Amino acid sequence: MKAEDRKKLGDRVKLAREHAKLTQKDLAQNVCVSQTTIYKLESGASNSSRRTVAIAMSCNVNPIWLETGQGKMVLPGSQMMGNKGDQNGSDDELDVSLPWENYYPLVEWPEIPEFCEEDSTVFTAKVPDDTMENEFQEGEVLLISPRSTAKHNDYIVVATKEGAAPVFKQLIVQCSDQYLKPLNPRYPLELVESELFVYGVVIGKYKSFLPN
């Protein structure tokens, strides 16, 4: 990576951080790196971009914009799972398309296991049912990272048997026990008694508020 490109990446990281009203220390804590790492990235002294998705998630910006400079910094209607900063855009930014689908593969829900066997890139999928209402509505587009490690309270796409149809739940870890929690109270909490096959961690969602 050229020094000019590193500087541009650093500028975008700084702009994203300021957009989210975070200090370098805040951002470092959010993405589990040292404050020095963020400083080096913003100053152009580091060419590392391995944490760009996590940084975008924390700053509530478009990961593609952060990594490449292409597209808009903030996608209209998008909600990342981290920082809850200002998500409003001006009228001239509104786009009736689903921007994430322009950059990431849209995978049909039953095909997620097969897709993840062949590819480890970030992908999108639509919420398949009402299990996770009211936070997630059926048909909303999820941004899913197969490379992220699932932790307590993460929203995950998971199966309890290899190759089985995946489900969308929240992971709850209590001592040595793991649970799959639906957000909709109509569905029961499930104690995990076998190996979990996690196909990805949900790092964002997109919902259009424009009429079809």
N, C-alpha and C. Protein backbone atom coordinates (compact mmCIF):
# COMPACT_ATOMS: atom_id res chain seq x y z
N MET A 1 0.84 -1.20 0.00
CA MET A 1 0.00 0.00 0.00
C MET A 1 0.88 1.25 0.00
N LYS A 2 0.61 2.20 -0.88
CA LYS A 2 1.39 3.41 -0.96
C LYS A 2 1.10 4.32 0.23
N ALA A 3 2.11 5.20 0.53
CA ALA A 3 1.96 6.12 1.66
C ALA A 3 0.76 7.02 1.47
N GLU A 4 0.50 7.43 0.20
CA GLU A 4 -0.65 8.29 -0.08
C GLU A 4 -1.95 7.58 0.27
N ASP A 5 -2.05 6.27 -0.06
CA ASP A 5 -3.25 5.49 0.24
C ASP A 5 -3.42 5.33 1.73
N ARG A 6 -2.30 5.11 2.45
CA ARG A 6 -2.38 4.96 3.90
C ARG A 6 -2.92 6.24 4.53
N LYS A 7 -2.45 7.40 4.01
CA LYS A 7 -2.89 8.67 4.54
C LYS A 7 -4.39 8.85 4.31
N LYS A 8 -4.86 8.46 3.13
CA LYS A 8 -6.27 8.59 2.84
C LYS A 8 -7.09 7.68 3.76
N LEU A 9 -6.62 6.46 4.01
CA LEU A 9 -7.31 5.58 4.94
C LEU A 9 -7.32 6.19 6.33
N GLY A 10 -6.19 6.75 6.74
CA GLY A 10 -6.12 7.40 8.05
C GLY A 10 -7.08 8.56 8.18
N ASP A 11 -7.20 9.33 7.10
CA ASP A 11 -8.14 10.46 7.10
C ASP A 11 -9.57 9.96 7.28
N ARG A 12 -9.90 8.84 6.61
CA ARG A 12 -11.26 8.31 6.72
C ARG A 12 -11.53 7.76 8.12
N VAL A 13 -10.55 7.11 8.70
CA VAL A 13 -10.72 6.60 10.07
C VAL A 13 -10.96 7.76 11.03
N LYS A 14 -10.18 8.83 10.88
CA LYS A 14 -10.35 10.00 11.75
C LYS A 14 -11.72 10.63 11.54
N LEU A 15 -12.13 10.76 10.29
CA LEU A 15 -13.43 11.35 9.99
C LEU A 15 -14.56 10.50 10.57
N ALA A 16 -14.43 9.17 10.44
CA ALA A 16 -15.44 8.27 11.00
C ALA A 16 -15.49 8.39 12.51
N ARG A 17 -14.33 8.45 13.14
CA ARG A 17 -14.28 8.56 14.60
C ARG A 17 -14.91 9.87 15.08
N GLU A 18 -14.61 10.95 14.39
CA GLU A 18 -15.19 12.24 14.77
C GLU A 18 -16.69 12.27 14.50
N HIS A 19 -17.13 11.60 13.44
CA HIS A 19 -18.57 11.47 13.16
C HIS A 19 -19.29 10.80 14.32
N ALA A 20 -18.63 9.79 14.91
CA ALA A 20 -19.23 9.05 16.02
C ALA A 20 -19.00 9.71 17.36
N LYS A 21 -18.28 10.84 17.35
CA LYS A 21 -17.98 11.58 18.58
C LYS A 21 -17.22 10.69 19.59
N LEU A 22 -16.24 9.98 19.07
CA LEU A 22 -15.41 9.11 19.89
C LEU A 22 -13.99 9.66 19.96
N THR A 23 -13.33 9.47 21.10
CA THR A 23 -11.90 9.75 21.19
C THR A 23 -11.14 8.55 20.63
N GLN A 24 -9.84 8.74 20.42
CA GLN A 24 -9.02 7.62 19.97
C GLN A 24 -9.06 6.49 21.01
N LYS A 25 -9.08 6.85 22.27
CA LYS A 25 -9.15 5.84 23.34
C LYS A 25 -10.47 5.09 23.28
N ASP A 26 -11.58 5.81 23.08
CA ASP A 26 -12.90 5.17 22.98
C ASP A 26 -12.93 4.16 21.84
N LEU A 27 -12.46 4.59 20.67
CA LEU A 27 -12.49 3.73 19.49
C LEU A 27 -11.61 2.51 19.70
N ALA A 28 -10.44 2.71 20.28
CA ALA A 28 -9.53 1.60 20.54
C ALA A 28 -10.18 0.56 21.44
N GLN A 29 -10.86 1.02 22.47
CA GLN A 29 -11.54 0.09 23.38
C GLN A 29 -12.66 -0.65 22.68
N ASN A 30 -13.38 0.05 21.80
CA ASN A 30 -14.51 -0.56 21.10
C ASN A 30 -14.08 -1.68 20.17
N VAL A 31 -12.91 -1.53 19.55
CA VAL A 31 -12.48 -2.52 18.55
C VAL A 31 -11.34 -3.41 19.07
N CYS A 32 -11.05 -3.29 20.38
CA CYS A 32 -10.09 -4.19 21.06
C CYS A 32 -8.67 -4.07 20.50
N VAL A 33 -8.22 -2.83 20.31
CA VAL A 33 -6.83 -2.58 19.96
C VAL A 33 -6.30 -1.49 20.88
N SER A 34 -5.00 -1.20 20.80
CA SER A 34 -4.43 -0.15 21.63
C SER A 34 -4.72 1.22 21.02
N GLN A 35 -4.67 2.25 21.88
CA GLN A 35 -4.85 3.61 21.39
C GLN A 35 -3.75 3.98 20.40
N THR A 36 -2.55 3.43 20.62
CA THR A 36 -1.43 3.67 19.71
C THR A 36 -1.75 3.16 18.30
N THR A 37 -2.45 2.02 18.23
CA THR A 37 -2.82 1.47 16.93
C THR A 37 -3.72 2.43 16.16
N ILE A 38 -4.70 3.02 16.86
CA ILE A 38 -5.59 3.99 16.21
C ILE A 38 -4.81 5.22 15.79
N TYR A 39 -3.91 5.68 16.66
CA TYR A 39 -3.10 6.86 16.34
C TYR A 39 -2.27 6.62 15.09
N LYS A 40 -1.61 5.44 15.02
CA LYS A 40 -0.78 5.13 13.86
C LYS A 40 -1.62 5.01 12.60
N LEU A 41 -2.82 4.45 12.72
CA LEU A 41 -3.69 4.30 11.56
C LEU A 41 -4.12 5.67 11.05
N GLU A 42 -4.53 6.56 11.95
CA GLU A 42 -4.98 7.89 11.54
C GLU A 42 -3.85 8.74 10.97
N SER A 43 -2.64 8.55 11.49
CA SER A 43 -1.50 9.36 11.04
C SER A 43 -0.88 8.83 9.75
N GLY A 44 -1.30 7.63 9.34
CA GLY A 44 -0.73 7.04 8.13
C GLY A 44 0.53 6.25 8.39
N ALA A 45 0.92 6.11 9.67
CA ALA A 45 2.12 5.36 10.01
C ALA A 45 1.90 3.85 9.92
N SER A 46 0.64 3.43 9.92
CA SER A 46 0.32 2.01 9.83
C SER A 46 -0.50 1.76 8.58
N ASN A 47 -0.22 0.64 7.90
CA ASN A 47 -1.00 0.29 6.71
C ASN A 47 -2.00 -0.82 7.00
N SER A 48 -2.24 -1.11 8.30
CA SER A 48 -3.15 -2.19 8.68
C SER A 48 -4.59 -1.77 8.42
N SER A 49 -5.35 -2.67 7.80
CA SER A 49 -6.77 -2.41 7.58
C SER A 49 -7.61 -3.60 8.03
N ARG A 50 -7.02 -4.47 8.88
CA ARG A 50 -7.73 -5.67 9.31
C ARG A 50 -8.93 -5.36 10.20
N ARG A 51 -8.95 -4.19 10.80
CA ARG A 51 -10.02 -3.84 11.74
C ARG A 51 -11.02 -2.87 11.14
N THR A 52 -11.01 -2.71 9.82
CA THR A 52 -11.87 -1.68 9.23
C THR A 52 -13.36 -1.97 9.44
N VAL A 53 -13.77 -3.25 9.37
CA VAL A 53 -15.19 -3.56 9.58
C VAL A 53 -15.58 -3.24 11.02
N ALA A 54 -14.71 -3.61 11.98
CA ALA A 54 -15.00 -3.33 13.39
C ALA A 54 -15.03 -1.82 13.64
N ILE A 55 -14.12 -1.08 13.02
CA ILE A 55 -14.10 0.38 13.18
C ILE A 55 -15.36 0.99 12.59
N ALA A 56 -15.75 0.52 11.40
CA ALA A 56 -16.97 1.02 10.77
C ALA A 56 -18.18 0.73 11.64
N MET A 57 -18.24 -0.47 12.22
CA MET A 57 -19.34 -0.85 13.09
C MET A 57 -19.42 0.08 14.29
N SER A 58 -18.26 0.38 14.89
CA SER A 58 -18.24 1.23 16.07
C SER A 58 -18.60 2.68 15.76
N CYS A 59 -18.22 3.12 14.56
CA CYS A 59 -18.44 4.52 14.19
C CYS A 59 -19.72 4.74 13.40
N ASN A 60 -20.45 3.65 13.11
CA ASN A 60 -21.72 3.76 12.39
C ASN A 60 -21.53 4.36 11.00
N VAL A 61 -20.51 3.85 10.28
CA VAL A 61 -20.28 4.30 8.91
C VAL A 61 -20.25 3.09 7.99
N ASN A 62 -20.29 3.37 6.69
CA ASN A 62 -20.27 2.35 5.66
C ASN A 62 -18.89 1.68 5.60
N PRO A 63 -18.79 0.36 5.84
CA PRO A 63 -17.48 -0.31 5.82
C PRO A 63 -16.77 -0.21 4.48
N ILE A 64 -17.52 -0.23 3.38
CA ILE A 64 -16.91 -0.11 2.06
C ILE A 64 -16.26 1.26 1.90
N TRP A 65 -16.97 2.31 2.33
CA TRP A 65 -16.39 3.66 2.27
C TRP A 65 -15.12 3.73 3.10
N LEU A 66 -15.15 3.17 4.30
CA LEU A 66 -14.00 3.25 5.19
C LEU A 66 -12.80 2.53 4.58
N GLU A 67 -13.04 1.38 3.99
CA GLU A 67 -11.94 0.57 3.47
C GLU A 67 -11.41 1.07 2.13
N THR A 68 -12.30 1.58 1.27
CA THR A 68 -11.88 1.91 -0.10
C THR A 68 -12.06 3.38 -0.46
N GLY A 69 -12.89 4.10 0.29
CA GLY A 69 -13.21 5.47 -0.07
C GLY A 69 -14.35 5.60 -1.05
N GLN A 70 -14.92 4.46 -1.46
CA GLN A 70 -16.01 4.47 -2.43
C GLN A 70 -17.36 4.50 -1.73
N GLY A 71 -18.34 5.17 -2.35
CA GLY A 71 -19.68 5.24 -1.78
C GLY A 71 -19.79 6.33 -0.73
N LYS A 72 -20.92 6.32 -0.03
CA LYS A 72 -21.20 7.34 0.97
C LYS A 72 -20.70 6.90 2.34
N MET A 73 -20.30 7.87 3.14
CA MET A 73 -19.79 7.55 4.48
C MET A 73 -20.88 6.90 5.33
N VAL A 74 -22.08 7.46 5.28
CA VAL A 74 -23.20 6.94 6.07
C VAL A 74 -24.30 6.51 5.12
N LEU A 75 -24.73 5.26 5.23
CA LEU A 75 -25.80 4.76 4.37
C LEU A 75 -27.15 5.15 4.96
N PRO A 76 -28.05 5.75 4.16
CA PRO A 76 -29.36 6.14 4.67
C PRO A 76 -30.13 4.93 5.16
N GLY A 77 -30.66 5.02 6.39
CA GLY A 77 -31.46 3.93 6.95
C GLY A 77 -30.65 2.86 7.62
N SER A 78 -29.32 2.92 7.54
CA SER A 78 -28.51 1.85 8.11
C SER A 78 -28.35 2.03 9.61
N GLN A 79 -28.23 0.90 10.30
CA GLN A 79 -28.00 0.91 11.73
C GLN A 79 -26.93 -0.13 12.04
N MET A 80 -25.76 0.32 12.54
CA MET A 80 -24.73 -0.61 12.93
C MET A 80 -25.01 -1.05 14.35
N MET A 81 -24.42 -2.19 14.74
CA MET A 81 -24.73 -2.77 16.04
C MET A 81 -23.97 -2.13 17.18
N GLY A 82 -23.07 -1.21 16.87
CA GLY A 82 -22.28 -0.61 17.92
C GLY A 82 -22.81 0.75 18.31
N ASN A 83 -22.07 1.81 17.97
CA ASN A 83 -22.42 3.17 18.35
C ASN A 83 -23.79 3.56 17.81
N LYS A 84 -24.56 4.28 18.63
CA LYS A 84 -25.91 4.70 18.23
C LYS A 84 -25.93 6.19 17.90
N GLY A 85 -24.98 6.64 17.12
CA GLY A 85 -24.89 8.04 16.81
C GLY A 85 -25.94 8.49 15.82
N ASP A 86 -25.78 9.72 15.35
CA ASP A 86 -26.73 10.30 14.41
C ASP A 86 -26.73 9.50 13.12
N GLN A 87 -27.90 9.07 12.66
CA GLN A 87 -28.00 8.25 11.47
C GLN A 87 -28.79 8.95 10.37
N ASN A 88 -29.06 10.21 10.55
CA ASN A 88 -29.88 10.92 9.57
C ASN A 88 -29.03 11.48 8.45
N GLY A 89 -29.56 11.47 7.27
CA GLY A 89 -28.88 12.07 6.12
C GLY A 89 -29.76 13.14 5.52
N SER A 90 -29.19 13.98 4.65
CA SER A 90 -29.98 15.01 3.99
C SER A 90 -30.82 14.38 2.90
N ASP A 91 -31.82 15.11 2.43
CA ASP A 91 -32.74 14.57 1.45
C ASP A 91 -32.04 14.12 0.18
N ASP A 92 -30.97 14.83 -0.23
CA ASP A 92 -30.33 14.46 -1.47
C ASP A 92 -29.48 13.20 -1.34
N GLU A 93 -29.36 12.63 -0.12
CA GLU A 93 -28.62 11.40 0.07
C GLU A 93 -29.53 10.18 -0.03
N LEU A 94 -30.84 10.37 -0.04
CA LEU A 94 -31.76 9.24 -0.01
C LEU A 94 -31.64 8.40 -1.27
N ASP A 95 -31.67 7.09 -1.10
CA ASP A 95 -31.50 6.15 -2.20
C ASP A 95 -32.49 5.02 -1.99
N VAL A 96 -33.32 4.73 -2.98
CA VAL A 96 -34.33 3.70 -2.80
C VAL A 96 -33.74 2.30 -2.88
N SER A 97 -32.48 2.17 -3.29
CA SER A 97 -31.86 0.85 -3.35
C SER A 97 -31.39 0.44 -1.96
N LEU A 98 -30.98 -0.83 -1.82
CA LEU A 98 -30.35 -1.31 -0.60
C LEU A 98 -28.84 -1.30 -0.84
N PRO A 99 -28.12 -0.30 -0.35
CA PRO A 99 -26.73 -0.12 -0.73
C PRO A 99 -25.84 -1.33 -0.40
N TRP A 100 -26.06 -2.00 0.72
CA TRP A 100 -25.17 -3.11 1.06
C TRP A 100 -25.23 -4.21 0.01
N GLU A 101 -26.38 -4.39 -0.61
CA GLU A 101 -26.49 -5.43 -1.62
C GLU A 101 -25.69 -5.08 -2.88
N ASN A 102 -25.29 -3.82 -3.01
CA ASN A 102 -24.46 -3.44 -4.15
C ASN A 102 -23.01 -3.83 -3.94
N TYR A 103 -22.62 -4.07 -2.70
CA TYR A 103 -21.23 -4.33 -2.36
C TYR A 103 -20.99 -5.74 -1.84
N TYR A 104 -21.96 -6.32 -1.15
CA TYR A 104 -21.80 -7.63 -0.54
C TYR A 104 -22.81 -8.61 -1.14
N PRO A 105 -22.46 -9.91 -1.21
CA PRO A 105 -23.41 -10.89 -1.75
C PRO A 105 -24.68 -10.96 -0.90
N LEU A 106 -25.82 -11.05 -1.54
CA LEU A 106 -27.08 -11.30 -0.85
C LEU A 106 -27.34 -12.80 -0.94
N VAL A 107 -27.33 -13.47 0.21
CA VAL A 107 -27.43 -14.93 0.26
C VAL A 107 -28.82 -15.32 0.77
N GLU A 108 -29.48 -16.22 0.07
CA GLU A 108 -30.75 -16.74 0.54
C GLU A 108 -30.53 -17.51 1.84
N TRP A 109 -31.45 -17.38 2.79
CA TRP A 109 -31.23 -17.92 4.13
C TRP A 109 -30.87 -19.42 4.13
N PRO A 110 -31.58 -20.29 3.42
CA PRO A 110 -31.22 -21.72 3.46
C PRO A 110 -29.85 -22.03 2.84
N GLU A 111 -29.31 -21.09 2.04
CA GLU A 111 -28.05 -21.33 1.36
C GLU A 111 -26.84 -20.83 2.14
N ILE A 112 -27.06 -20.26 3.34
CA ILE A 112 -25.96 -19.70 4.12
C ILE A 112 -24.89 -20.75 4.45
N PRO A 113 -25.25 -21.97 4.94
CA PRO A 113 -24.19 -22.95 5.24
C PRO A 113 -23.30 -23.25 4.04
N GLU A 114 -23.90 -23.46 2.88
CA GLU A 114 -23.12 -23.77 1.69
C GLU A 114 -22.24 -22.59 1.29
N PHE A 115 -22.79 -21.37 1.39
CA PHE A 115 -22.01 -20.17 1.06
C PHE A 115 -20.79 -20.06 1.96
N CYS A 116 -20.98 -20.27 3.27
CA CYS A 116 -19.88 -20.11 4.23
C CYS A 116 -18.82 -21.19 4.08
N GLU A 117 -19.19 -22.34 3.54
CA GLU A 117 -18.20 -23.39 3.28
C GLU A 117 -17.24 -22.96 2.18
N GLU A 118 -17.73 -22.16 1.26
CA GLU A 118 -16.93 -21.78 0.09
C GLU A 118 -16.31 -20.41 0.20
N ASP A 119 -16.83 -19.57 1.08
CA ASP A 119 -16.39 -18.18 1.14
C ASP A 119 -16.43 -17.70 2.58
N SER A 120 -15.52 -16.78 2.93
CA SER A 120 -15.50 -16.22 4.29
C SER A 120 -15.66 -14.71 4.26
N THR A 121 -16.19 -14.18 3.15
CA THR A 121 -16.36 -12.74 3.04
C THR A 121 -17.65 -12.30 3.74
N VAL A 122 -17.69 -11.03 4.10
CA VAL A 122 -18.90 -10.45 4.66
C VAL A 122 -20.02 -10.58 3.63
N PHE A 123 -21.23 -10.93 4.10
CA PHE A 123 -22.35 -11.08 3.18
C PHE A 123 -23.61 -10.52 3.82
N THR A 124 -24.67 -10.46 3.04
CA THR A 124 -25.96 -9.98 3.55
C THR A 124 -27.00 -11.08 3.41
N ALA A 125 -28.01 -11.02 4.27
CA ALA A 125 -29.15 -11.93 4.20
C ALA A 125 -30.34 -11.23 4.84
N LYS A 126 -31.53 -11.60 4.42
CA LYS A 126 -32.74 -10.98 4.96
C LYS A 126 -33.23 -11.74 6.19
N VAL A 127 -33.69 -11.00 7.19
CA VAL A 127 -34.26 -11.60 8.39
C VAL A 127 -35.37 -12.56 7.96
N PRO A 128 -35.28 -13.85 8.35
CA PRO A 128 -36.20 -14.84 7.76
C PRO A 128 -37.57 -14.92 8.40
N ASP A 129 -37.72 -14.45 9.65
CA ASP A 129 -38.99 -14.64 10.36
C ASP A 129 -39.12 -13.62 11.48
N ASP A 130 -40.06 -13.84 12.38
CA ASP A 130 -40.33 -12.86 13.44
C ASP A 130 -39.67 -13.22 14.76
N THR A 131 -38.71 -14.16 14.75
CA THR A 131 -38.09 -14.62 15.99
C THR A 131 -37.41 -13.50 16.75
N MET A 132 -36.85 -12.50 16.02
CA MET A 132 -36.04 -11.46 16.66
C MET A 132 -36.74 -10.11 16.71
N GLU A 133 -38.06 -10.08 16.53
CA GLU A 133 -38.80 -8.83 16.74
C GLU A 133 -38.76 -8.48 18.23
N ASN A 134 -38.72 -7.21 18.58
CA ASN A 134 -39.00 -6.04 17.76
C ASN A 134 -37.73 -5.36 17.23
N GLU A 135 -36.57 -5.83 17.64
CA GLU A 135 -35.33 -5.22 17.19
C GLU A 135 -35.10 -5.45 15.70
N PHE A 136 -35.44 -6.64 15.22
CA PHE A 136 -35.23 -7.00 13.82
C PHE A 136 -36.56 -7.42 13.21
N GLN A 137 -36.93 -6.78 12.12
CA GLN A 137 -38.18 -7.09 11.45
C GLN A 137 -37.93 -8.02 10.26
N GLU A 138 -38.87 -8.91 10.01
CA GLU A 138 -38.76 -9.83 8.88
C GLU A 138 -38.54 -9.05 7.58
N GLY A 139 -37.54 -9.45 6.81
CA GLY A 139 -37.24 -8.79 5.54
C GLY A 139 -36.16 -7.74 5.62
N GLU A 140 -35.78 -7.27 6.82
CA GLU A 140 -34.67 -6.35 6.93
C GLU A 140 -33.38 -7.04 6.48
N VAL A 141 -32.46 -6.26 5.95
CA VAL A 141 -31.20 -6.82 5.45
C VAL A 141 -30.14 -6.76 6.53
N LEU A 142 -29.56 -7.92 6.85
CA LEU A 142 -28.50 -8.03 7.85
C LEU A 142 -27.14 -8.02 7.17
N LEU A 143 -26.17 -7.38 7.80
CA LEU A 143 -24.78 -7.45 7.37
C LEU A 143 -24.08 -8.43 8.31
N ILE A 144 -23.51 -9.50 7.75
CA ILE A 144 -23.04 -10.63 8.55
C ILE A 144 -21.56 -10.89 8.27
N SER A 145 -20.78 -11.04 9.35
CA SER A 145 -19.34 -11.29 9.23
C SER A 145 -19.02 -12.71 9.67
N PRO A 146 -18.64 -13.60 8.74
CA PRO A 146 -18.29 -14.97 9.11
C PRO A 146 -16.97 -15.05 9.88
N ARG A 147 -16.13 -14.01 9.77
CA ARG A 147 -14.80 -14.05 10.40
C ARG A 147 -14.83 -13.60 11.85
N SER A 148 -15.91 -12.97 12.29
CA SER A 148 -15.97 -12.46 13.66
C SER A 148 -16.23 -13.60 14.65
N THR A 149 -15.62 -13.48 15.82
CA THR A 149 -15.82 -14.47 16.88
C THR A 149 -17.06 -14.10 17.69
N ALA A 150 -17.98 -15.05 17.85
CA ALA A 150 -19.22 -14.78 18.58
C ALA A 150 -18.94 -14.66 20.07
N LYS A 151 -19.49 -13.60 20.67
CA LYS A 151 -19.32 -13.35 22.10
C LYS A 151 -20.68 -13.16 22.75
N HIS A 152 -20.69 -13.10 24.07
CA HIS A 152 -21.90 -12.89 24.83
C HIS A 152 -22.66 -11.65 24.34
N ASN A 153 -23.93 -11.81 24.12
CA ASN A 153 -24.86 -10.76 23.67
C ASN A 153 -24.80 -10.49 22.16
N ASP A 154 -23.91 -11.16 21.43
CA ASP A 154 -23.87 -10.97 19.98
C ASP A 154 -25.12 -11.58 19.33
N TYR A 155 -25.53 -10.98 18.21
CA TYR A 155 -26.58 -11.55 17.37
C TYR A 155 -25.89 -12.43 16.33
N ILE A 156 -26.30 -13.69 16.23
CA ILE A 156 -25.57 -14.63 15.40
C ILE A 156 -26.49 -15.42 14.48
N VAL A 157 -25.91 -15.89 13.38
CA VAL A 157 -26.57 -16.84 12.49
C VAL A 157 -25.92 -18.19 12.80
N VAL A 158 -26.72 -19.15 13.27
CA VAL A 158 -26.14 -20.33 13.91
C VAL A 158 -27.00 -21.57 13.67
N ALA A 159 -26.36 -22.73 13.78
CA ALA A 159 -27.06 -24.00 13.76
C ALA A 159 -26.47 -24.88 14.86
N THR A 160 -27.25 -25.81 15.37
CA THR A 160 -26.75 -26.73 16.40
C THR A 160 -26.31 -28.05 15.80
N LYS A 161 -26.46 -28.19 14.47
CA LYS A 161 -25.98 -29.38 13.76
C LYS A 161 -25.34 -28.90 12.46
N GLU A 162 -24.19 -29.45 12.13
CA GLU A 162 -23.48 -29.03 10.93
C GLU A 162 -24.35 -29.27 9.69
N GLY A 163 -24.45 -28.22 8.87
CA GLY A 163 -25.24 -28.33 7.65
C GLY A 163 -26.72 -28.10 7.83
N ALA A 164 -27.15 -27.94 9.10
CA ALA A 164 -28.58 -27.73 9.36
C ALA A 164 -28.99 -26.31 8.96
N ALA A 165 -30.28 -26.12 8.79
CA ALA A 165 -30.79 -24.79 8.46
C ALA A 165 -30.43 -23.82 9.59
N PRO A 166 -29.82 -22.69 9.28
CA PRO A 166 -29.42 -21.75 10.33
C PRO A 166 -30.61 -21.00 10.91
N VAL A 167 -30.43 -20.53 12.13
CA VAL A 167 -31.42 -19.69 12.78
C VAL A 167 -30.74 -18.39 13.20
N PHE A 168 -31.55 -17.40 13.48
CA PHE A 168 -31.06 -16.09 13.89
C PHE A 168 -31.43 -15.88 15.35
N LYS A 169 -30.43 -15.81 16.23
CA LYS A 169 -30.67 -15.68 17.67
C LYS A 169 -29.60 -14.79 18.30
N GLN A 170 -29.82 -14.48 19.57
CA GLN A 170 -28.80 -13.79 20.36
C GLN A 170 -28.08 -14.81 21.23
N LEU A 171 -26.75 -14.73 21.25
CA LEU A 171 -25.96 -15.65 22.06
C LEU A 171 -25.84 -15.12 23.48
N ILE A 172 -26.22 -15.94 24.45
CA ILE A 172 -26.11 -15.60 25.87
C ILE A 172 -25.16 -16.60 26.51
N VAL A 173 -24.13 -16.08 27.17
CA VAL A 173 -23.15 -16.95 27.84
C VAL A 173 -23.20 -16.67 29.34
N GLN A 174 -23.47 -17.70 30.12
CA GLN A 174 -23.51 -17.59 31.57
C GLN A 174 -22.67 -18.72 32.16
N CYS A 175 -21.51 -18.32 32.73
CA CYS A 175 -20.54 -19.31 33.23
C CYS A 175 -20.18 -20.27 32.11
N SER A 176 -20.44 -21.55 32.28
CA SER A 176 -20.08 -22.52 31.24
C SER A 176 -21.26 -22.84 30.32
N ASP A 177 -22.39 -22.21 30.55
CA ASP A 177 -23.59 -22.49 29.75
C ASP A 177 -23.75 -21.46 28.63
N GLN A 178 -24.28 -21.94 27.52
CA GLN A 178 -24.61 -21.07 26.39
C GLN A 178 -26.09 -21.22 26.07
N TYR A 179 -26.72 -20.10 25.71
CA TYR A 179 -28.13 -20.11 25.36
C TYR A 179 -28.32 -19.38 24.04
N LEU A 180 -29.33 -19.78 23.30
CA LEU A 180 -29.76 -19.06 22.11
C LEU A 180 -31.07 -18.38 22.45
N LYS A 181 -31.04 -17.05 22.43
CA LYS A 181 -32.18 -16.27 22.90
C LYS A 181 -32.90 -15.59 21.75
N PRO A 182 -34.19 -15.85 21.58
CA PRO A 182 -35.00 -15.04 20.65
C PRO A 182 -35.43 -13.76 21.35
N LEU A 183 -35.53 -12.68 20.62
CA LEU A 183 -35.97 -11.43 21.23
C LEU A 183 -37.49 -11.35 21.32
N ASN A 184 -38.16 -12.12 20.49
CA ASN A 184 -39.62 -12.18 20.52
C ASN A 184 -40.05 -13.12 21.66
N PRO A 185 -40.78 -12.62 22.67
CA PRO A 185 -41.14 -13.46 23.83
C PRO A 185 -42.04 -14.64 23.50
N ARG A 186 -42.56 -14.70 22.28
CA ARG A 186 -43.39 -15.83 21.88
C ARG A 186 -42.57 -17.11 21.73
N TYR A 187 -41.25 -16.95 21.61
CA TYR A 187 -40.38 -18.10 21.37
C TYR A 187 -39.54 -18.39 22.61
N PRO A 188 -39.21 -19.66 22.87
CA PRO A 188 -38.50 -20.02 24.10
C PRO A 188 -36.99 -19.82 24.00
N LEU A 189 -36.38 -19.61 25.16
CA LEU A 189 -34.92 -19.59 25.29
C LEU A 189 -34.43 -21.03 25.17
N GLU A 190 -33.33 -21.22 24.43
CA GLU A 190 -32.83 -22.58 24.17
C GLU A 190 -31.46 -22.78 24.80
N LEU A 191 -31.33 -23.77 25.68
CA LEU A 191 -30.04 -24.14 26.24
C LEU A 191 -29.26 -24.93 25.20
N VAL A 192 -28.03 -24.54 24.95
CA VAL A 192 -27.20 -25.22 23.95
C VAL A 192 -26.57 -26.44 24.59
N GLU A 193 -26.88 -27.61 24.09
CA GLU A 193 -26.36 -28.86 24.65
C GLU A 193 -25.46 -29.59 23.66
N SER A 194 -25.12 -28.96 22.57
CA SER A 194 -24.23 -29.56 21.58
C SER A 194 -23.35 -28.46 21.00
N GLU A 195 -22.50 -28.85 20.07
CA GLU A 195 -21.61 -27.87 19.44
C GLU A 195 -22.41 -26.86 18.62
N LEU A 196 -21.97 -25.61 18.69
CA LEU A 196 -22.61 -24.57 17.88
C LEU A 196 -21.83 -24.38 16.58
N PHE A 197 -22.57 -24.28 15.49
CA PHE A 197 -21.96 -23.97 14.20
C PHE A 197 -22.38 -22.55 13.85
N VAL A 198 -21.49 -21.61 14.14
CA VAL A 198 -21.78 -20.19 13.93
C VAL A 198 -21.36 -19.80 12.52
N TYR A 199 -22.34 -19.41 11.71
CA TYR A 199 -22.06 -19.03 10.33
C TYR A 199 -21.67 -17.56 10.21
N GLY A 200 -21.99 -16.78 11.22
CA GLY A 200 -21.59 -15.38 11.17
C GLY A 200 -22.18 -14.58 12.31
N VAL A 201 -21.55 -13.45 12.58
CA VAL A 201 -22.01 -12.50 13.59
C VAL A 201 -22.63 -11.30 12.86
N VAL A 202 -23.81 -10.92 13.28
CA VAL A 202 -24.49 -9.78 12.66
C VAL A 202 -23.84 -8.49 13.14
N ILE A 203 -23.33 -7.70 12.21
CA ILE A 203 -22.64 -6.46 12.57
C ILE A 203 -23.41 -5.22 12.13
N GLY A 204 -24.53 -5.42 11.47
CA GLY A 204 -25.33 -4.27 11.08
C GLY A 204 -26.63 -4.71 10.44
N LYS A 205 -27.52 -3.75 10.27
CA LYS A 205 -28.76 -4.03 9.56
C LYS A 205 -29.14 -2.83 8.74
N TYR A 206 -29.89 -3.07 7.68
CA TYR A 206 -30.34 -2.00 6.81
C TYR A 206 -31.86 -2.11 6.67
N LYS A 207 -32.52 -0.99 6.87
CA LYS A 207 -33.96 -0.93 6.67
C LYS A 207 -34.29 0.33 5.90
N SER A 208 -35.01 0.19 4.81
CA SER A 208 -35.43 1.34 4.05
C SER A 208 -36.72 1.91 4.64
N PHE A 209 -36.75 3.21 4.80
CA PHE A 209 -37.94 3.87 5.31
C PHE A 209 -38.70 4.58 4.19
N LEU A 210 -38.32 4.26 2.96
CA LEU A 210 -38.97 4.87 1.80
C LEU A 210 -40.05 3.93 1.28
N PRO A 211 -41.12 4.46 0.68
CA PRO A 211 -42.17 3.60 0.12
C PRO A 211 -41.64 2.76 -1.02
N ASN A 212 -42.21 1.55 -1.19
CA ASN A 212 -41.79 0.68 -2.28
C ASN A 212 -42.25 1.24 -3.63
